[in-house]
Amino acid sequence: MARALRILVVDDDDDLRVELVELLRAMHFHVAGYATASSARDRVADQDIVLCDLDLGAESGIDLIRHIVSLGASRPRVIAMSGRVDLLNLFDASGAIPMLSKPMKIASLIAAIKNHEARLDDR
């Protein structure tokens, strides 16, 4: 039996973060949630997937994603999300990281996670 994916949810919207953590736990993922990039920074290396809001305040989600990318090949996969279309358009230039606009459809989130899960199995 495969181990459950470890997913880190980083979002400063308390209600959304709690909702996502509960939803993903109900789907049998190991999930933790953090409100800030700085509180999540030391936890990302141990994760399989990081679901990260781009607009977090003092240290942006973009900064956190850049940190994650700098970890190299063994880094966790990233799914970015934002309610700000301007940030999604700016950040999505490469197309390398899946983007979800908020409010997001749960089916889109699950599809992005499953896509990353398949890529993790290929590593």
N, C-alpha and C. Protein backbone atom coordinates (compact mmCIF):
# COMPACT_ATOMS: atom_id res chain seq x y z
N MET A 1 0.84 -1.19 0.00
CA MET A 1 0.00 0.00 0.00
C MET A 1 0.88 1.25 0.00
N ALA A 2 0.60 2.17 -0.89
CA ALA A 2 1.38 3.40 -0.98
C ALA A 2 1.10 4.29 0.22
N ARG A 3 2.13 5.04 0.63
CA ARG A 3 1.93 5.94 1.76
C ARG A 3 1.11 7.14 1.31
N ALA A 4 0.45 7.76 2.26
CA ALA A 4 -0.37 8.93 1.96
C ALA A 4 0.53 10.11 1.61
N LEU A 5 0.10 10.90 0.63
CA LEU A 5 0.85 12.10 0.28
C LEU A 5 0.87 13.08 1.45
N ARG A 6 2.00 13.78 1.58
CA ARG A 6 2.13 14.85 2.58
C ARG A 6 1.91 16.17 1.85
N ILE A 7 0.89 16.89 2.26
CA ILE A 7 0.52 18.14 1.59
C ILE A 7 0.55 19.28 2.61
N LEU A 8 1.18 20.37 2.22
CA LEU A 8 1.24 21.57 3.04
C LEU A 8 0.38 22.63 2.38
N VAL A 9 -0.57 23.19 3.12
CA VAL A 9 -1.45 24.25 2.63
C VAL A 9 -0.99 25.56 3.26
N VAL A 10 -0.65 26.54 2.42
CA VAL A 10 -0.19 27.84 2.90
C VAL A 10 -1.14 28.90 2.37
N ASP A 11 -1.95 29.46 3.28
CA ASP A 11 -2.91 30.48 2.89
C ASP A 11 -3.24 31.33 4.11
N ASP A 12 -3.26 32.65 3.94
CA ASP A 12 -3.55 33.53 5.06
C ASP A 12 -5.04 33.69 5.33
N ASP A 13 -5.88 33.15 4.48
CA ASP A 13 -7.32 33.13 4.71
C ASP A 13 -7.62 31.94 5.62
N ASP A 14 -7.85 32.22 6.90
CA ASP A 14 -8.03 31.16 7.89
C ASP A 14 -9.13 30.18 7.52
N ASP A 15 -10.28 30.71 7.09
CA ASP A 15 -11.41 29.84 6.77
C ASP A 15 -11.08 28.90 5.61
N LEU A 16 -10.49 29.43 4.56
CA LEU A 16 -10.14 28.61 3.40
C LEU A 16 -9.08 27.58 3.76
N ARG A 17 -8.06 28.01 4.50
CA ARG A 17 -6.99 27.08 4.89
C ARG A 17 -7.54 25.92 5.69
N VAL A 18 -8.37 26.21 6.68
CA VAL A 18 -8.96 25.16 7.51
C VAL A 18 -9.84 24.24 6.66
N GLU A 19 -10.62 24.82 5.77
CA GLU A 19 -11.49 24.03 4.90
C GLU A 19 -10.67 23.09 4.01
N LEU A 20 -9.60 23.61 3.42
CA LEU A 20 -8.75 22.77 2.57
C LEU A 20 -8.06 21.67 3.36
N VAL A 21 -7.56 22.00 4.54
CA VAL A 21 -6.90 20.99 5.38
C VAL A 21 -7.90 19.88 5.73
N GLU A 22 -9.10 20.25 6.14
CA GLU A 22 -10.11 19.25 6.50
C GLU A 22 -10.52 18.40 5.30
N LEU A 23 -10.71 19.03 4.16
CA LEU A 23 -11.08 18.31 2.94
C LEU A 23 -10.00 17.29 2.56
N LEU A 24 -8.75 17.73 2.55
CA LEU A 24 -7.66 16.85 2.14
C LEU A 24 -7.41 15.74 3.16
N ARG A 25 -7.60 16.02 4.43
CA ARG A 25 -7.49 14.97 5.46
C ARG A 25 -8.59 13.93 5.27
N ALA A 26 -9.79 14.38 4.93
CA ALA A 26 -10.90 13.45 4.69
C ALA A 26 -10.60 12.54 3.50
N MET A 27 -9.72 12.99 2.63
CA MET A 27 -9.32 12.19 1.46
C MET A 27 -8.08 11.35 1.78
N HIS A 28 -7.71 11.30 3.05
CA HIS A 28 -6.62 10.46 3.57
C HIS A 28 -5.22 10.92 3.19
N PHE A 29 -5.06 12.22 2.98
CA PHE A 29 -3.73 12.80 2.83
C PHE A 29 -3.25 13.25 4.20
N HIS A 30 -1.93 13.29 4.39
CA HIS A 30 -1.35 13.89 5.60
C HIS A 30 -1.21 15.37 5.30
N VAL A 31 -1.89 16.21 6.06
CA VAL A 31 -1.98 17.64 5.72
C VAL A 31 -1.67 18.51 6.93
N ALA A 32 -0.92 19.59 6.67
CA ALA A 32 -0.69 20.64 7.66
C ALA A 32 -0.99 21.97 6.99
N GLY A 33 -1.39 22.94 7.78
CA GLY A 33 -1.69 24.25 7.23
C GLY A 33 -0.95 25.36 7.96
N TYR A 34 -0.52 26.36 7.21
CA TYR A 34 0.17 27.52 7.76
C TYR A 34 -0.38 28.79 7.13
N ALA A 35 -0.38 29.88 7.91
CA ALA A 35 -0.93 31.15 7.45
C ALA A 35 0.09 32.03 6.76
N THR A 36 1.37 31.79 7.00
CA THR A 36 2.40 32.66 6.43
C THR A 36 3.50 31.85 5.75
N ALA A 37 4.17 32.49 4.81
CA ALA A 37 5.31 31.85 4.13
C ALA A 37 6.43 31.57 5.12
N SER A 38 6.67 32.50 6.03
CA SER A 38 7.77 32.31 6.97
C SER A 38 7.51 31.13 7.92
N SER A 39 6.26 30.91 8.32
CA SER A 39 5.97 29.77 9.20
C SER A 39 6.03 28.45 8.45
N ALA A 40 5.82 28.46 7.15
CA ALA A 40 5.84 27.23 6.35
C ALA A 40 7.23 26.90 5.81
N ARG A 41 8.09 27.90 5.70
CA ARG A 41 9.39 27.75 5.03
C ARG A 41 10.20 26.56 5.51
N ASP A 42 10.28 26.34 6.80
CA ASP A 42 11.08 25.24 7.34
C ASP A 42 10.41 23.89 7.22
N ARG A 43 9.17 23.87 6.78
CA ARG A 43 8.41 22.61 6.68
C ARG A 43 8.30 22.08 5.26
N VAL A 44 8.63 22.88 4.27
CA VAL A 44 8.35 22.48 2.88
C VAL A 44 9.18 21.30 2.40
N ALA A 45 10.40 21.17 2.84
CA ALA A 45 11.29 20.13 2.32
C ALA A 45 10.77 18.72 2.60
N ASP A 46 9.97 18.57 3.65
CA ASP A 46 9.45 17.25 4.02
C ASP A 46 8.12 16.91 3.36
N GLN A 47 7.66 17.77 2.47
CA GLN A 47 6.34 17.58 1.87
C GLN A 47 6.45 16.99 0.46
N ASP A 48 5.34 16.41 0.01
CA ASP A 48 5.25 15.95 -1.38
C ASP A 48 4.69 17.06 -2.26
N ILE A 49 3.70 17.77 -1.72
CA ILE A 49 3.03 18.85 -2.46
C ILE A 49 2.83 20.04 -1.53
N VAL A 50 3.05 21.24 -2.06
CA VAL A 50 2.75 22.48 -1.34
C VAL A 50 1.70 23.23 -2.14
N LEU A 51 0.56 23.46 -1.52
CA LEU A 51 -0.53 24.25 -2.10
C LEU A 51 -0.39 25.64 -1.51
N CYS A 52 -0.01 26.62 -2.34
CA CYS A 52 0.42 27.91 -1.83
C CYS A 52 -0.32 29.08 -2.47
N ASP A 53 -0.90 29.92 -1.62
CA ASP A 53 -1.49 31.18 -2.07
C ASP A 53 -0.35 32.11 -2.47
N LEU A 54 -0.54 32.86 -3.54
CA LEU A 54 0.52 33.76 -4.01
C LEU A 54 0.56 35.07 -3.22
N ASP A 55 -0.56 35.47 -2.66
CA ASP A 55 -0.67 36.78 -1.99
C ASP A 55 -0.80 36.58 -0.49
N LEU A 56 0.35 36.44 0.19
CA LEU A 56 0.35 36.14 1.62
C LEU A 56 0.71 37.32 2.50
N GLY A 57 1.09 38.42 1.95
CA GLY A 57 1.46 39.56 2.79
C GLY A 57 2.95 39.82 2.78
N ALA A 58 3.54 39.94 3.98
CA ALA A 58 4.95 40.35 4.12
C ALA A 58 5.90 39.55 3.24
N GLU A 59 5.89 38.25 3.38
CA GLU A 59 6.68 37.41 2.47
C GLU A 59 5.66 36.72 1.58
N SER A 60 5.70 36.99 0.31
CA SER A 60 4.66 36.48 -0.58
C SER A 60 4.80 34.99 -0.83
N GLY A 61 3.72 34.41 -1.32
CA GLY A 61 3.76 33.02 -1.75
C GLY A 61 4.74 32.83 -2.89
N ILE A 62 4.92 33.86 -3.70
CA ILE A 62 5.89 33.78 -4.80
C ILE A 62 7.29 33.59 -4.22
N ASP A 63 7.62 34.31 -3.15
CA ASP A 63 8.92 34.13 -2.49
C ASP A 63 9.08 32.71 -1.96
N LEU A 64 8.01 32.18 -1.36
CA LEU A 64 8.07 30.81 -0.85
C LEU A 64 8.26 29.81 -1.98
N ILE A 65 7.57 30.01 -3.08
CA ILE A 65 7.70 29.10 -4.23
C ILE A 65 9.12 29.18 -4.79
N ARG A 66 9.69 30.35 -4.86
CA ARG A 66 11.08 30.47 -5.32
C ARG A 66 12.02 29.69 -4.40
N HIS A 67 11.77 29.76 -3.11
CA HIS A 67 12.57 28.98 -2.14
C HIS A 67 12.41 27.48 -2.42
N ILE A 68 11.19 27.04 -2.64
CA ILE A 68 10.94 25.63 -2.91
C ILE A 68 11.66 25.18 -4.17
N VAL A 69 11.58 25.97 -5.23
CA VAL A 69 12.26 25.63 -6.49
C VAL A 69 13.77 25.53 -6.28
N SER A 70 14.31 26.36 -5.39
CA SER A 70 15.75 26.35 -5.14
C SER A 70 16.21 25.06 -4.44
N LEU A 71 15.28 24.28 -3.93
CA LEU A 71 15.64 23.03 -3.25
C LEU A 71 16.10 21.95 -4.22
N GLY A 72 15.86 22.14 -5.50
CA GLY A 72 16.35 21.20 -6.50
C GLY A 72 15.38 20.08 -6.83
N ALA A 73 15.91 19.01 -7.39
CA ALA A 73 15.10 17.93 -7.94
C ALA A 73 14.24 17.21 -6.92
N SER A 74 14.69 17.14 -5.68
CA SER A 74 13.92 16.42 -4.66
C SER A 74 12.86 17.30 -3.99
N ARG A 75 12.71 18.51 -4.50
CA ARG A 75 11.77 19.45 -3.89
C ARG A 75 10.32 18.95 -4.02
N PRO A 76 9.45 19.46 -3.15
CA PRO A 76 8.03 19.11 -3.30
C PRO A 76 7.45 19.76 -4.55
N ARG A 77 6.42 19.17 -5.06
CA ARG A 77 5.67 19.77 -6.18
C ARG A 77 4.85 20.92 -5.63
N VAL A 78 4.59 21.92 -6.45
CA VAL A 78 3.87 23.12 -6.02
C VAL A 78 2.60 23.29 -6.85
N ILE A 79 1.53 23.66 -6.17
CA ILE A 79 0.31 24.12 -6.81
C ILE A 79 0.06 25.52 -6.26
N ALA A 80 0.03 26.51 -7.14
CA ALA A 80 -0.19 27.90 -6.71
C ALA A 80 -1.67 28.25 -6.83
N MET A 81 -2.11 29.15 -5.97
CA MET A 81 -3.49 29.61 -6.03
C MET A 81 -3.57 31.09 -5.66
N SER A 82 -4.56 31.76 -6.22
CA SER A 82 -4.76 33.16 -5.90
C SER A 82 -6.14 33.61 -6.36
N GLY A 83 -6.67 34.57 -5.65
CA GLY A 83 -7.90 35.22 -6.07
C GLY A 83 -7.61 36.42 -6.96
N ARG A 84 -6.34 36.73 -7.13
CA ARG A 84 -5.93 37.87 -7.94
C ARG A 84 -5.45 37.40 -9.31
N VAL A 85 -6.22 37.67 -10.31
CA VAL A 85 -5.89 37.24 -11.67
C VAL A 85 -4.57 37.85 -12.13
N ASP A 86 -4.28 39.09 -11.71
CA ASP A 86 -3.03 39.72 -12.12
C ASP A 86 -1.82 38.93 -11.63
N LEU A 87 -1.90 38.40 -10.40
CA LEU A 87 -0.79 37.60 -9.88
C LEU A 87 -0.69 36.27 -10.62
N LEU A 88 -1.82 35.64 -10.89
CA LEU A 88 -1.79 34.37 -11.62
C LEU A 88 -1.18 34.56 -13.00
N ASN A 89 -1.58 35.63 -13.69
CA ASN A 89 -1.04 35.88 -15.03
C ASN A 89 0.45 36.18 -14.99
N LEU A 90 0.87 36.96 -14.02
CA LEU A 90 2.28 37.31 -13.88
C LEU A 90 3.12 36.08 -13.58
N PHE A 91 2.64 35.27 -12.65
CA PHE A 91 3.42 34.12 -12.19
C PHE A 91 3.37 32.97 -13.18
N ASP A 92 2.32 32.86 -13.96
CA ASP A 92 2.10 31.70 -14.82
C ASP A 92 2.81 31.79 -16.16
N ALA A 93 3.73 32.70 -16.33
CA ALA A 93 4.39 32.88 -17.62
C ALA A 93 5.07 31.61 -18.12
N SER A 94 5.66 30.83 -17.22
CA SER A 94 6.38 29.63 -17.65
C SER A 94 5.45 28.43 -17.82
N GLY A 95 4.34 28.42 -17.13
CA GLY A 95 3.43 27.29 -17.19
C GLY A 95 3.93 26.06 -16.44
N ALA A 96 5.05 26.19 -15.72
CA ALA A 96 5.66 25.04 -15.05
C ALA A 96 4.94 24.66 -13.76
N ILE A 97 4.20 25.58 -13.18
CA ILE A 97 3.52 25.32 -11.91
C ILE A 97 2.02 25.49 -12.13
N PRO A 98 1.23 24.48 -11.76
CA PRO A 98 -0.23 24.61 -11.93
C PRO A 98 -0.78 25.77 -11.12
N MET A 99 -1.73 26.47 -11.71
CA MET A 99 -2.36 27.63 -11.08
C MET A 99 -3.85 27.37 -10.90
N LEU A 100 -4.35 27.68 -9.73
CA LEU A 100 -5.77 27.58 -9.45
C LEU A 100 -6.27 28.96 -9.03
N SER A 101 -7.34 29.42 -9.65
CA SER A 101 -7.90 30.70 -9.24
C SER A 101 -8.93 30.45 -8.14
N LYS A 102 -8.93 31.37 -7.16
CA LYS A 102 -9.88 31.27 -6.05
C LYS A 102 -11.07 32.17 -6.35
N PRO A 103 -12.26 31.76 -6.03
CA PRO A 103 -12.58 30.47 -5.42
C PRO A 103 -12.36 29.34 -6.42
N MET A 104 -11.81 28.25 -5.93
CA MET A 104 -11.46 27.15 -6.82
C MET A 104 -12.50 26.05 -6.78
N LYS A 105 -12.55 25.33 -7.87
CA LYS A 105 -13.41 24.15 -7.93
C LYS A 105 -12.63 23.00 -7.30
N ILE A 106 -13.28 22.27 -6.43
CA ILE A 106 -12.63 21.16 -5.75
C ILE A 106 -12.13 20.14 -6.78
N ALA A 107 -12.88 19.92 -7.83
CA ALA A 107 -12.45 18.97 -8.86
C ALA A 107 -11.13 19.40 -9.50
N SER A 108 -10.93 20.70 -9.68
CA SER A 108 -9.67 21.20 -10.25
C SER A 108 -8.51 20.97 -9.29
N LEU A 109 -8.76 21.19 -8.00
CA LEU A 109 -7.73 20.95 -6.99
C LEU A 109 -7.34 19.47 -6.96
N ILE A 110 -8.33 18.61 -6.92
CA ILE A 110 -8.06 17.17 -6.86
C ILE A 110 -7.32 16.71 -8.11
N ALA A 111 -7.71 17.23 -9.28
CA ALA A 111 -7.02 16.87 -10.53
C ALA A 111 -5.55 17.29 -10.47
N ALA A 112 -5.28 18.48 -9.96
CA ALA A 112 -3.89 18.95 -9.85
C ALA A 112 -3.09 18.08 -8.89
N ILE A 113 -3.70 17.69 -7.78
CA ILE A 113 -3.02 16.82 -6.82
C ILE A 113 -2.75 15.46 -7.44
N LYS A 114 -3.74 14.89 -8.10
CA LYS A 114 -3.57 13.57 -8.72
C LYS A 114 -2.50 13.61 -9.81
N ASN A 115 -2.44 14.70 -10.56
CA ASN A 115 -1.40 14.86 -11.59
C ASN A 115 -0.02 14.85 -10.95
N HIS A 116 0.13 15.58 -9.86
CA HIS A 116 1.42 15.59 -9.14
C HIS A 116 1.72 14.23 -8.52
N GLU A 117 0.69 13.58 -8.02
CA GLU A 117 0.87 12.26 -7.42
C GLU A 117 1.44 11.27 -8.46
N ALA A 118 0.93 11.33 -9.68
CA ALA A 118 1.44 10.47 -10.75
C ALA A 118 2.89 10.79 -11.06
N ARG A 119 3.26 12.07 -11.06
CA ARG A 119 4.64 12.45 -11.31
C ARG A 119 5.56 12.01 -10.17
N LEU A 120 5.06 12.05 -8.94
CA LEU A 120 5.87 11.59 -7.81
C LEU A 120 6.13 10.10 -7.91
N ASP A 121 5.15 9.35 -8.39
CA ASP A 121 5.33 7.90 -8.57
C ASP A 121 6.38 7.59 -9.61
N ASP A 122 6.61 8.53 -10.56
CA ASP A 122 7.59 8.34 -11.62
C ASP A 122 9.01 8.67 -11.19
N ARG A 123 9.16 9.33 -10.03
CA ARG A 123 10.50 9.74 -9.58
C ARG A 123 11.36 8.57 -9.19
